[in-house]
Amino acid sequence: MSAHNWLEPLFAASQMRAIDSWATDVAGVPSLALMEAAGEGLAGMAAAMAPEGRIVVVAGKGNNGGDGLVAARLLRAGGREVDVLLAGGSDSFSGDAAAVLARLGEPAPLELGDSAAGAAAGIAADATLVIDALLGTGATGAPRGRVAEAIEAVRASGVAVLAADVPSGVDASSGETAGVAVVANATATFHAAKPGLWIEPGRGCAGRVSVLDIGIPDGAPVEAEIGLIGDQVLELIPRRGVHSTKFTSGRVLVAGGSPGLTGAPSLAALAAARAGAGYVTVCVPASLSLIFETRLLEAMTIALPDEHGEHTPAGVAALAAAAAGGHGGALVLGPGLGRGDSAVAFARALLGALSLPVVLDADGLNAFAGEPESLRGRAAVLTPHEGELGRLLGVGAPDVAAARLRHARDAAARSGAVVVLKGDDTLVAAPDATVAVSRGATPALATAGTGDVLAGVVGALLAKGLDPFTAACAAVRLHALAGVHAAVRHGGEGVVASDVVESLAAVRG
């Protein structure tokens, strides 16, 4: 990904087909040699996962099945007991897959029958490992027929699984699982990782992912649109110098708060400061301002007109004046805002009154439910969880969870903003369809308030002048590392959001 060299490319199925074609047609690498190399790597991983005992290879008729057949032959040559089960007749194999099937030798492969239960019993009997070579990167949609039965058999067997390239039933390009899918302990993927191995729900099916070199040379003229966020992105965050001041280090406004929800804007403000912002101002309902002035020693507080502790449109002019007067380089809108009519009206009016880059989070997003297009030109970064993104798009949270990549891209295209869909596989989607994927961090971040922390970090990096996509990616990586640091200090189950705030400075360096 030439525009973002801190992203490790993840190639979708169509891009991998193009790379394979380039390798054979232009670079002159025989396709059979690629299959042999893939099978050799697969066999090595299988032997390491199961140093002894019977191994079962479950193979489909395509190239993925061919990879599994090569692995079976090489494992047998190394003295291992290997059975091969074909999800279909041997006469259905063609091309390179047929060639390696012919080389398999004895014992001959067995064909899976109609009884999944019987197949499962056959797999489980004395087996220590199953190699899943049913469906490859080109498969889409729900598995059908014998392949679906074979996947059910593998799942029911209870035996450890090594997937070839991608777990069968997982869409390699998106991570979606339209039907039943193999849940692997590990995946040996070839040449480069695929998006579906890092994006839920596919990520949860892949287990430990290892990328194996199969002899495809560098230089394929294929550009990835999706990539894993690398630590190099942190090097782009501007640092304070000897001539820096609190004003030049980044000025952040945080607007939010309502009765019972004073913690969220406080966490966002503290996170912005710990992420390097030099001047943080919290704009809160006047009747609650004492809470914030007592709690936030390092932040300024602006008390805005309110009704029963809730923001109202009457506060927009004062906040806009504060922004124009030098308090803000970026605005974080939404933490703890509440969903009352006056708060919603405040959020909608405020976005129309400011020209600052805006991070729209939590109830700030809920104020625009069903209207992502209304955010075009008004918000820089949206930071929803699945429920909030579902409300913004007018779909259910389970729909978002089942197709995270598709919905993140849809929201970015329709809103014109960078969308940060939170999760351990946090996705950062740009309007041009570029997507960055978090490598994951720790379950310790699954606690209330960590989303407010992330919003504050994004605000700080926007205020420092980073473009929205880079700011969001750097914030996601910084937030993930802070979560790991906090988990080491406090134990994964004991982490609270303020621990993550305290860890930001330590991991930022």
Protein backbone atom coordinates (compact mmCIF):
# COMPACT_ATOMS: atom_id res chain seq x y z
CA MET A 1 0.00 0.00 0.00
CA SER A 2 2.25 2.72 -1.37
CA ALA A 3 0.36 5.66 0.14
CA HIS A 4 0.63 4.21 3.65
CA ASN A 5 3.85 2.26 4.07
CA TRP A 6 2.98 1.58 7.70
CA LEU A 7 0.17 -0.76 6.61
CA GLU A 8 1.00 -4.42 6.00
CA PRO A 9 -0.99 -5.40 2.89
CA LEU A 10 -3.86 -7.85 3.19
CA PHE A 11 -4.82 -9.11 -0.26
CA ALA A 12 -8.42 -9.92 -1.13
CA ALA A 13 -9.27 -13.00 -3.19
CA SER A 14 -9.34 -11.17 -6.53
CA GLN A 15 -5.97 -9.59 -5.79
CA MET A 16 -4.44 -12.95 -4.87
CA ARG A 17 -5.73 -14.39 -8.16
CA ALA A 18 -4.02 -11.53 -9.96
CA ILE A 19 -0.80 -12.13 -8.04
CA ASP A 20 -0.88 -15.87 -8.79
CA SER A 21 -1.48 -15.16 -12.49
CA TRP A 22 1.38 -12.66 -12.57
CA ALA A 23 3.68 -15.17 -10.88
CA THR A 24 2.99 -17.85 -13.48
CA ASP A 25 2.44 -15.77 -16.63
CA VAL A 26 5.02 -13.03 -16.11
CA ALA A 27 7.51 -14.21 -13.47
CA GLY A 28 7.57 -17.71 -14.94
CA VAL A 29 6.87 -19.71 -11.78
CA PRO A 30 4.94 -22.89 -12.67
CA SER A 31 1.60 -23.08 -10.90
CA LEU A 32 2.32 -26.66 -9.87
CA ALA A 33 5.51 -25.46 -8.17
CA LEU A 34 3.44 -22.99 -6.14
CA MET A 35 1.10 -25.79 -5.09
CA GLU A 36 3.99 -28.02 -4.11
CA ALA A 37 5.54 -25.23 -2.05
CA ALA A 38 2.23 -24.51 -0.33
CA GLY A 39 1.78 -28.17 0.52
CA GLU A 40 5.33 -28.42 1.82
CA GLY A 41 4.77 -25.48 4.16
CA LEU A 42 1.45 -26.91 5.25
CA ALA A 43 3.06 -30.26 6.02
CA GLY A 44 5.75 -28.58 8.11
CA MET A 45 3.18 -26.75 10.21
CA ALA A 46 1.12 -29.91 10.62
CA ALA A 47 4.13 -31.89 11.84
CA ALA A 48 4.93 -29.15 14.35
CA MET A 49 1.34 -29.00 15.62
CA ALA A 50 1.02 -32.80 15.87
CA PRO A 51 4.45 -34.40 16.34
CA GLU A 52 2.85 -37.83 16.54
CA GLY A 53 -0.42 -39.56 15.84
CA ARG A 54 -2.71 -39.91 12.84
CA ILE A 55 -3.42 -36.88 10.64
CA VAL A 56 -6.53 -36.54 8.49
CA VAL A 57 -6.60 -34.32 5.40
CA VAL A 58 -10.09 -33.27 4.30
CA ALA A 59 -9.78 -32.01 0.73
CA GLY A 60 -12.01 -30.29 -1.77
CA LYS A 61 -11.62 -30.52 -5.53
CA GLY A 62 -9.94 -27.14 -6.10
CA ASN A 63 -6.40 -25.85 -5.65
CA ASN A 64 -6.90 -25.65 -1.90
CA GLY A 65 -7.56 -29.38 -1.93
CA GLY A 66 -4.43 -29.81 -4.02
CA ASP A 67 -2.38 -28.05 -1.33
CA GLY A 68 -3.75 -30.50 1.21
CA LEU A 69 -2.97 -33.50 -1.01
CA VAL A 70 0.65 -32.39 -1.37
CA ALA A 71 0.89 -32.07 2.40
CA ALA A 72 -0.56 -35.58 2.81
CA ARG A 73 2.00 -37.06 0.40
CA LEU A 74 4.94 -35.33 2.08
CA LEU A 75 3.79 -36.25 5.58
CA ARG A 76 3.48 -39.87 4.51
CA ALA A 77 6.96 -39.70 3.03
CA GLY A 78 8.15 -38.58 6.45
CA GLY A 79 6.67 -41.68 8.07
CA ARG A 80 3.39 -40.21 9.30
CA GLU A 81 0.03 -42.00 9.17
CA VAL A 82 -2.20 -39.80 7.03
CA ASP A 83 -5.73 -40.47 5.79
CA VAL A 84 -7.30 -38.39 3.04
CA LEU A 85 -11.03 -37.74 2.80
CA LEU A 86 -12.35 -36.21 -0.41
CA ALA A 87 -15.49 -34.06 -0.38
CA GLY A 88 -16.46 -35.31 -3.81
CA GLY A 89 -15.32 -37.91 -6.30
CA SER A 90 -11.72 -38.13 -7.47
CA ASP A 91 -12.97 -37.66 -11.03
CA SER A 92 -14.04 -34.10 -10.13
CA PHE A 93 -10.42 -32.96 -9.70
CA SER A 94 -8.72 -31.14 -12.57
CA GLY A 95 -5.55 -29.24 -13.42
CA ASP A 96 -2.81 -29.12 -10.80
CA ALA A 97 -5.12 -30.62 -8.16
CA ALA A 98 -5.65 -33.71 -10.36
CA ALA A 99 -1.89 -33.97 -10.92
CA VAL A 100 -1.06 -34.04 -7.22
CA LEU A 101 -3.95 -36.45 -6.54
CA ALA A 102 -2.37 -38.84 -9.02
CA ARG A 103 0.91 -38.64 -7.10
CA LEU A 104 -0.68 -39.37 -3.72
CA GLY A 105 -0.19 -43.11 -3.74
CA GLU A 106 -1.48 -45.56 -1.15
CA PRO A 107 -3.57 -45.71 0.89
CA ALA A 108 -6.08 -44.33 -1.58
CA PRO A 109 -8.26 -41.43 -0.50
CA LEU A 110 -11.76 -42.07 0.79
CA GLU A 111 -14.83 -40.16 -0.32
CA LEU A 112 -17.05 -38.61 2.32
CA GLY A 113 -20.49 -40.17 2.29
CA ASP A 114 -23.84 -38.72 3.13
CA SER A 115 -23.49 -39.19 6.88
CA ALA A 116 -21.70 -36.30 8.57
CA ALA A 117 -21.88 -38.15 11.87
CA GLY A 118 -20.12 -41.13 10.35
CA ALA A 119 -17.47 -38.90 8.83
CA ALA A 120 -16.91 -37.19 12.17
CA ALA A 121 -16.43 -40.54 13.85
CA GLY A 122 -13.89 -41.46 11.20
CA ILE A 123 -11.98 -38.25 11.74
CA ALA A 124 -11.98 -38.46 15.51
CA ALA A 125 -10.84 -42.08 15.77
CA ASP A 126 -7.24 -41.80 16.97
CA ALA A 127 -6.61 -38.60 14.97
CA THR A 128 -4.44 -35.86 16.45
CA LEU A 129 -4.90 -33.25 13.71
CA VAL A 130 -7.20 -32.42 10.82
CA ILE A 131 -5.91 -30.41 7.85
CA ASP A 132 -8.79 -28.41 6.39
CA ALA A 133 -8.20 -28.13 2.63
CA LEU A 134 -11.82 -27.93 1.51
CA LEU A 135 -12.30 -24.35 0.27
CA GLY A 136 -9.71 -21.73 -0.63
CA THR A 137 -9.57 -17.97 -0.96
CA GLY A 138 -11.87 -17.87 -3.98
CA ALA A 139 -14.86 -19.41 -2.21
CA THR A 140 -17.79 -17.14 -1.39
CA GLY A 141 -21.22 -17.65 0.09
CA ALA A 142 -22.45 -20.51 2.24
CA PRO A 143 -20.77 -23.91 1.72
CA ARG A 144 -23.09 -26.46 0.13
CA GLY A 145 -23.50 -30.20 -0.29
CA ARG A 146 -20.67 -32.52 0.63
CA VAL A 147 -18.39 -29.62 1.48
CA ALA A 148 -20.85 -28.33 4.07
CA GLU A 149 -21.20 -31.85 5.45
CA ALA A 150 -17.42 -32.15 5.67
CA ILE A 151 -17.16 -28.85 7.56
CA GLU A 152 -19.83 -30.04 9.99
CA ALA A 153 -17.87 -33.26 10.43
CA VAL A 154 -14.65 -31.41 11.20
CA ARG A 155 -16.42 -29.19 13.72
CA ALA A 156 -18.09 -32.16 15.40
CA SER A 157 -14.89 -34.21 15.63
CA GLY A 158 -13.31 -32.14 18.39
CA VAL A 159 -9.86 -32.67 16.82
CA ALA A 160 -7.36 -29.81 16.45
CA VAL A 161 -7.50 -28.19 13.00
CA LEU A 162 -4.91 -26.62 10.72
CA ALA A 163 -6.55 -24.65 7.89
CA ALA A 164 -4.92 -24.34 4.48
CA ASP A 165 -4.86 -20.67 3.40
CA VAL A 166 -8.24 -19.81 4.97
CA PRO A 167 -10.68 -21.78 7.15
CA SER A 168 -13.35 -23.29 4.91
CA GLY A 169 -16.54 -21.26 5.08
CA VAL A 170 -14.75 -17.98 5.82
CA ASP A 171 -14.79 -15.35 3.07
CA ALA A 172 -11.10 -14.57 2.62
CA SER A 173 -11.83 -11.03 1.42
CA SER A 174 -14.19 -9.91 4.18
CA GLY A 175 -14.20 -12.33 7.11
CA GLU A 176 -17.90 -13.01 6.63
CA THR A 177 -19.26 -16.49 7.31
CA ALA A 178 -22.47 -16.98 5.34
CA GLY A 179 -23.01 -20.51 6.64
CA VAL A 180 -21.10 -23.11 8.58
CA ALA A 181 -17.34 -22.55 8.85
CA VAL A 182 -14.34 -24.45 10.14
CA VAL A 183 -12.96 -23.17 13.44
CA ALA A 184 -9.22 -23.75 13.20
CA ASN A 185 -6.52 -23.75 15.83
CA ALA A 186 -4.09 -22.36 13.26
CA THR A 187 -4.09 -21.23 9.66
CA ALA A 188 -1.21 -21.56 7.21
CA THR A 189 -1.84 -18.82 4.66
CA PHE A 190 0.20 -18.52 1.51
CA HIS A 191 2.30 -15.57 0.29
CA ALA A 192 0.37 -12.93 2.25
CA ALA A 193 -2.38 -12.76 4.84
CA LYS A 194 -5.95 -12.16 3.71
CA PRO A 195 -8.40 -9.67 5.23
CA GLY A 196 -10.80 -12.39 6.34
CA LEU A 197 -8.16 -13.84 8.66
CA TRP A 198 -8.00 -10.58 10.62
CA ILE A 199 -11.61 -9.36 10.49
CA GLU A 200 -14.37 -10.88 12.61
CA PRO A 201 -16.08 -13.26 12.48
CA GLY A 202 -13.46 -14.89 10.24
CA ARG A 203 -10.70 -13.86 12.61
CA GLY A 204 -12.26 -15.97 15.33
CA CYS A 205 -12.16 -19.00 13.00
CA ALA A 206 -8.52 -18.63 11.93
CA GLY A 207 -6.64 -19.26 15.16
CA ARG A 208 -2.92 -18.50 14.99
CA VAL A 209 -2.09 -17.20 11.51
CA SER A 210 1.27 -17.97 9.85
CA VAL A 211 2.18 -16.54 6.45
CA LEU A 212 4.19 -18.99 4.36
CA ASP A 213 6.49 -18.08 1.49
CA ILE A 214 5.64 -20.27 -1.52
CA GLY A 215 8.03 -18.74 -4.03
CA ILE A 216 6.04 -15.86 -5.49
CA PRO A 217 8.64 -13.17 -6.23
CA ASP A 218 8.24 -9.53 -5.26
CA GLY A 219 7.02 -7.05 -7.83
CA ALA A 220 3.48 -8.08 -8.64
CA PRO A 221 1.65 -4.92 -9.85
CA VAL A 222 -1.23 -5.41 -7.42
CA GLU A 223 -2.21 -2.80 -4.84
CA ALA A 224 -4.00 -3.84 -1.65
CA GLU A 225 -6.85 -1.73 -0.30
CA ILE A 226 -6.72 -3.26 3.19
CA GLY A 227 -3.77 -3.50 5.57
CA LEU A 228 -2.73 -4.21 9.14
CA ILE A 229 -1.72 -1.18 11.19
CA GLY A 230 1.99 -1.27 12.02
CA ASP A 231 3.85 0.47 14.82
CA GLN A 232 5.55 2.70 12.25
CA VAL A 233 2.42 4.87 12.17
CA LEU A 234 3.31 6.11 15.66
CA GLU A 235 6.42 7.74 14.20
CA LEU A 236 4.17 10.15 12.32
CA ILE A 237 2.77 11.70 15.51
CA PRO A 238 4.28 15.19 15.94
CA ARG A 239 6.46 15.50 19.05
CA ARG A 240 6.96 18.44 21.35
CA GLY A 241 10.17 20.36 20.79
CA VAL A 242 12.06 22.91 22.82
CA HIS A 243 10.07 25.72 21.22
CA SER A 244 6.66 24.07 21.61
CA THR A 245 3.94 25.67 23.68
CA LYS A 246 0.65 24.39 25.02
CA PHE A 247 -1.04 26.01 22.04
CA THR A 248 1.21 24.51 19.37
CA SER A 249 1.08 21.03 20.93
CA GLY A 250 -2.57 20.61 19.97
CA ARG A 251 -5.78 22.15 21.27
CA VAL A 252 -8.78 19.90 21.86
CA LEU A 253 -12.36 20.73 22.74
CA VAL A 254 -14.50 18.00 24.30
CA ALA A 255 -18.27 18.56 24.27
CA GLY A 256 -20.49 16.19 26.20
CA GLY A 257 -21.72 15.25 29.62
CA SER A 258 -25.16 14.89 31.15
CA PRO A 259 -26.54 13.68 34.49
CA GLY A 260 -25.04 10.30 35.30
CA LEU A 261 -22.63 10.53 32.36
CA THR A 262 -19.87 12.84 33.56
CA GLY A 263 -17.17 10.16 33.38
CA ALA A 264 -17.18 9.83 29.60
CA PRO A 265 -16.11 13.39 28.71
CA SER A 266 -13.63 13.34 31.59
CA LEU A 267 -11.96 10.22 30.19
CA ALA A 268 -11.88 11.70 26.69
CA ALA A 269 -10.27 14.89 28.00
CA LEU A 270 -7.66 13.05 30.05
CA ALA A 271 -6.87 10.76 27.12
CA ALA A 272 -6.38 13.74 24.81
CA ALA A 273 -3.91 15.23 27.27
CA ARG A 274 -2.04 11.93 27.76
CA ALA A 275 -1.85 11.52 23.98
CA GLY A 276 0.06 14.80 23.79
CA ALA A 277 -2.51 17.58 23.41
CA GLY A 278 -1.20 20.69 25.10
CA TYR A 279 -4.52 22.43 25.78
CA VAL A 280 -7.78 20.63 26.51
CA THR A 281 -11.09 22.38 27.15
CA VAL A 282 -14.21 20.55 28.29
CA CYS A 283 -17.54 22.12 27.32
CA VAL A 284 -20.18 20.86 29.73
CA PRO A 285 -23.68 21.67 31.01
CA ALA A 286 -23.40 24.59 33.41
CA SER A 287 -25.25 22.80 36.21
CA LEU A 288 -22.64 20.04 36.15
CA SER A 289 -19.53 22.17 35.71
CA LEU A 290 -18.42 21.89 39.33
CA ILE A 291 -18.06 18.14 38.90
CA PHE A 292 -15.68 18.63 36.00
CA GLU A 293 -13.72 21.47 37.61
CA THR A 294 -13.14 19.26 40.63
CA ARG A 295 -12.25 16.18 38.62
CA LEU A 296 -10.14 17.68 35.81
CA LEU A 297 -7.19 19.62 37.20
CA GLU A 298 -5.34 19.96 33.90
CA ALA A 299 -8.26 20.89 31.63
CA MET A 300 -10.14 24.12 31.13
CA THR A 301 -13.92 24.06 31.63
CA ILE A 302 -16.54 26.05 29.75
CA ALA A 303 -20.02 25.96 31.27
CA LEU A 304 -22.74 26.00 28.63
CA PRO A 305 -26.46 26.72 29.07
CA ASP A 306 -28.41 23.58 29.90
CA GLU A 307 -31.85 22.25 30.71
CA HIS A 308 -31.88 19.89 33.69
CA GLY A 309 -28.24 19.03 33.12
CA GLU A 310 -28.58 18.44 29.39
CA HIS A 311 -26.94 20.43 26.60
CA THR A 312 -29.17 22.70 24.53
CA PRO A 313 -28.71 24.56 21.24
CA ALA A 314 -28.27 27.73 23.30
CA GLY A 315 -24.74 26.54 24.08
CA VAL A 316 -23.63 26.37 20.46
CA ALA A 317 -22.73 30.06 20.15
CA ALA A 318 -20.51 30.00 23.24
CA LEU A 319 -18.72 26.86 22.11
CA ALA A 320 -18.23 28.26 18.62
CA ALA A 321 -16.79 31.44 20.15
CA ALA A 322 -14.38 29.34 22.23
CA ALA A 323 -13.24 27.50 19.13
CA ALA A 324 -12.74 30.75 17.23
CA GLY A 325 -10.92 32.22 20.22
CA GLY A 326 -8.14 29.66 20.12
CA HIS A 327 -9.40 26.89 22.40
CA GLY A 328 -9.76 24.26 19.72
CA GLY A 329 -7.85 22.61 16.94
CA ALA A 330 -10.19 19.63 17.01
CA LEU A 331 -13.52 18.80 18.65
CA VAL A 332 -14.58 15.55 20.30
CA LEU A 333 -18.37 15.57 20.33
CA GLY A 334 -20.59 13.07 22.04
CA PRO A 335 -19.08 11.38 25.13
CA GLY A 336 -21.81 11.29 27.78
CA LEU A 337 -23.99 13.68 25.76
CA GLY A 338 -27.24 11.82 26.36
CA ARG A 339 -30.10 11.18 23.93
CA GLY A 340 -32.66 13.77 25.01
CA ASP A 341 -34.22 16.05 22.43
CA SER A 342 -32.22 19.10 23.50
CA ALA A 343 -28.91 17.18 23.43
CA VAL A 344 -29.67 15.89 19.97
CA ALA A 345 -30.53 19.39 18.78
CA PHE A 346 -27.29 20.68 20.34
CA ALA A 347 -25.18 18.11 18.49
CA ARG A 348 -26.83 18.73 15.16
CA ALA A 349 -26.57 22.52 15.46
CA LEU A 350 -22.98 22.39 16.67
CA LEU A 351 -21.71 20.46 13.67
CA GLY A 352 -23.14 23.11 11.39
CA ALA A 353 -21.51 25.95 13.34
CA LEU A 354 -17.87 24.78 13.46
CA SER A 355 -15.18 24.33 10.87
CA LEU A 356 -12.88 22.29 13.13
CA PRO A 357 -12.15 18.65 12.40
CA VAL A 358 -14.65 16.72 14.52
CA VAL A 359 -14.50 13.31 16.18
CA LEU A 360 -18.09 12.14 16.51
CA ASP A 361 -18.53 9.54 19.23
CA ALA A 362 -21.23 7.83 21.29
CA ASP A 363 -24.40 9.91 21.59
CA GLY A 364 -22.98 12.39 19.11
CA LEU A 365 -23.37 9.60 16.56
CA ASN A 366 -26.79 8.65 17.84
CA ALA A 367 -27.96 12.21 17.10
CA PHE A 368 -27.62 11.37 13.40
CA ALA A 369 -29.23 7.93 13.47
CA GLY A 370 -30.30 6.86 9.99
CA GLU A 371 -28.72 9.92 8.38
CA PRO A 372 -25.06 9.20 7.56
CA GLU A 373 -25.23 11.41 4.46
CA SER A 374 -25.97 14.44 6.65
CA LEU A 375 -22.44 14.19 8.04
CA ARG A 376 -20.70 14.82 4.72
CA GLY A 377 -18.29 17.70 5.10
CA ARG A 378 -19.10 18.05 8.80
CA ALA A 379 -17.32 15.22 10.65
CA ALA A 380 -13.76 14.01 10.18
CA VAL A 381 -13.79 10.76 12.17
CA LEU A 382 -16.66 8.61 13.48
CA THR A 383 -15.90 6.17 16.30
CA PRO A 384 -18.88 3.79 16.66
CA HIS A 385 -19.23 0.37 18.18
CA GLU A 386 -21.45 -2.08 16.31
CA GLY A 387 -24.67 -0.86 17.91
CA GLU A 388 -23.94 2.79 17.16
CA LEU A 389 -22.96 2.03 13.58
CA GLY A 390 -26.12 0.02 13.19
CA ARG A 391 -28.22 2.95 14.37
CA LEU A 392 -26.38 5.33 12.05
CA LEU A 393 -27.01 3.06 9.05
CA GLY A 394 -30.47 1.94 10.08
CA VAL A 395 -29.56 -1.74 10.46
CA GLY A 396 -29.31 -4.08 13.43
CA ALA A 397 -26.13 -4.54 15.45
CA PRO A 398 -26.07 -8.28 14.57
CA ASP A 399 -26.05 -7.32 10.88
CA VAL A 400 -23.01 -5.12 11.47
CA ALA A 401 -21.27 -7.87 13.45
CA ALA A 402 -21.81 -10.36 10.63
CA ALA A 403 -20.34 -8.05 7.96
CA ARG A 404 -18.08 -5.58 9.73
CA LEU A 405 -15.97 -4.64 6.71
CA ARG A 406 -18.96 -4.07 4.45
CA HIS A 407 -20.79 -1.84 6.93
CA ALA A 408 -17.69 0.16 7.90
CA ARG A 409 -17.01 0.90 4.23
CA ASP A 410 -20.65 1.76 3.61
CA ALA A 411 -20.69 4.23 6.50
CA ALA A 412 -17.45 5.86 5.34
CA ALA A 413 -18.68 6.23 1.76
CA ARG A 414 -22.04 7.65 2.80
CA SER A 415 -20.78 10.00 5.51
CA GLY A 416 -17.58 11.14 3.78
CA ALA A 417 -15.79 10.59 7.10
CA VAL A 418 -13.22 8.12 8.35
CA VAL A 419 -15.07 5.42 10.28
CA VAL A 420 -13.45 3.64 13.23
CA LEU A 421 -15.55 0.53 13.90
CA LYS A 422 -14.40 -0.53 17.34
CA GLY A 423 -13.57 -4.07 18.39
CA ASP A 424 -10.45 -6.12 19.00
CA ASP A 425 -10.22 -6.10 15.19
CA THR A 426 -10.95 -2.35 15.01
CA LEU A 427 -11.44 -1.26 11.39
CA VAL A 428 -10.49 2.20 10.13
CA ALA A 429 -12.38 2.78 6.88
CA ALA A 430 -11.75 5.77 4.64
CA PRO A 431 -14.28 7.12 2.12
CA ASP A 432 -12.08 5.90 -0.76
CA ALA A 433 -12.49 2.26 0.47
CA THR A 434 -9.01 2.03 2.02
CA VAL A 435 -9.26 0.09 5.29
CA ALA A 436 -6.76 -0.37 8.11
CA VAL A 437 -7.18 -3.25 10.54
CA SER A 438 -5.99 -3.38 14.13
CA ARG A 439 -3.82 -6.37 14.96
CA GLY A 440 -5.79 -6.71 18.17
CA ALA A 441 -4.55 -6.17 21.64
CA THR A 442 -6.16 -7.58 24.73
CA PRO A 443 -9.61 -8.43 26.10
CA ALA A 444 -8.77 -5.96 28.87
CA LEU A 445 -10.08 -3.18 26.61
CA ALA A 446 -13.57 -4.71 26.79
CA THR A 447 -14.63 -2.44 29.63
CA ALA A 448 -16.73 0.71 29.93
CA GLY A 449 -15.04 3.97 29.01
CA THR A 450 -12.26 2.70 26.74
CA GLY A 451 -14.19 4.00 23.72
CA ASP A 452 -14.17 7.47 25.26
CA VAL A 453 -10.43 7.13 25.72
CA LEU A 454 -10.00 6.28 22.03
CA ALA A 455 -12.11 9.28 20.98
CA GLY A 456 -9.90 11.57 23.04
CA VAL A 457 -6.74 10.15 21.49
CA VAL A 458 -8.11 10.64 17.98
CA GLY A 459 -8.98 14.23 18.88
CA ALA A 460 -5.46 14.91 20.13
CA LEU A 461 -3.84 13.58 16.97
CA LEU A 462 -6.20 15.54 14.73
CA ALA A 463 -5.35 18.66 16.73
CA LYS A 464 -1.67 17.98 16.06
CA GLY A 465 -2.34 18.22 12.33
CA LEU A 466 -2.50 14.61 11.21
CA ASP A 467 -4.98 13.85 8.44
CA PRO A 468 -8.10 12.00 9.65
CA PHE A 469 -7.13 8.55 8.35
CA THR A 470 -3.59 8.68 9.74
CA ALA A 471 -4.81 10.17 13.03
CA ALA A 472 -7.40 7.43 13.43
CA CYS A 473 -4.92 4.63 12.62
CA ALA A 474 -2.26 6.02 14.97
CA ALA A 475 -4.86 6.44 17.71
CA VAL A 476 -6.11 2.88 17.30
CA ARG A 477 -2.59 1.48 17.53
CA LEU A 478 -1.67 3.70 20.51
CA HIS A 479 -4.89 2.74 22.28
CA ALA A 480 -4.26 -0.98 21.68
CA LEU A 481 -0.71 -0.79 23.03
CA ALA A 482 -1.92 1.15 26.06
CA GLY A 483 -4.45 -1.61 26.70
CA VAL A 484 -1.71 -4.23 26.64
CA HIS A 485 0.44 -2.11 28.98
CA ALA A 486 -2.46 -1.64 31.39
CA ALA A 487 -3.23 -5.36 31.36
CA VAL A 488 0.37 -6.18 32.31
CA ARG A 489 0.19 -3.73 35.21
CA HIS A 490 -3.24 -4.59 36.53
CA GLY A 491 -4.16 -7.99 35.10
CA GLY A 492 -6.56 -8.30 32.21
CA GLU A 493 -9.70 -8.60 34.32
CA GLY A 494 -8.75 -5.68 36.56
CA VAL A 495 -8.23 -2.97 33.93
CA VAL A 496 -10.50 0.08 33.96
CA ALA A 497 -10.54 2.85 31.39
CA SER A 498 -8.49 5.25 33.50
CA ASP A 499 -5.69 2.64 33.59
CA VAL A 500 -5.58 2.81 29.79
CA VAL A 501 -5.33 6.61 29.97
CA GLU A 502 -2.39 6.34 32.35
CA SER A 503 -0.64 3.87 30.01
CA LEU A 504 -0.88 6.11 26.93
CA ALA A 505 2.20 8.16 27.74
CA ALA A 506 4.26 5.04 28.54
CA VAL A 507 3.61 3.34 25.19
CA ARG A 508 3.82 6.53 23.15
CA GLY A 509 7.42 7.05 24.27
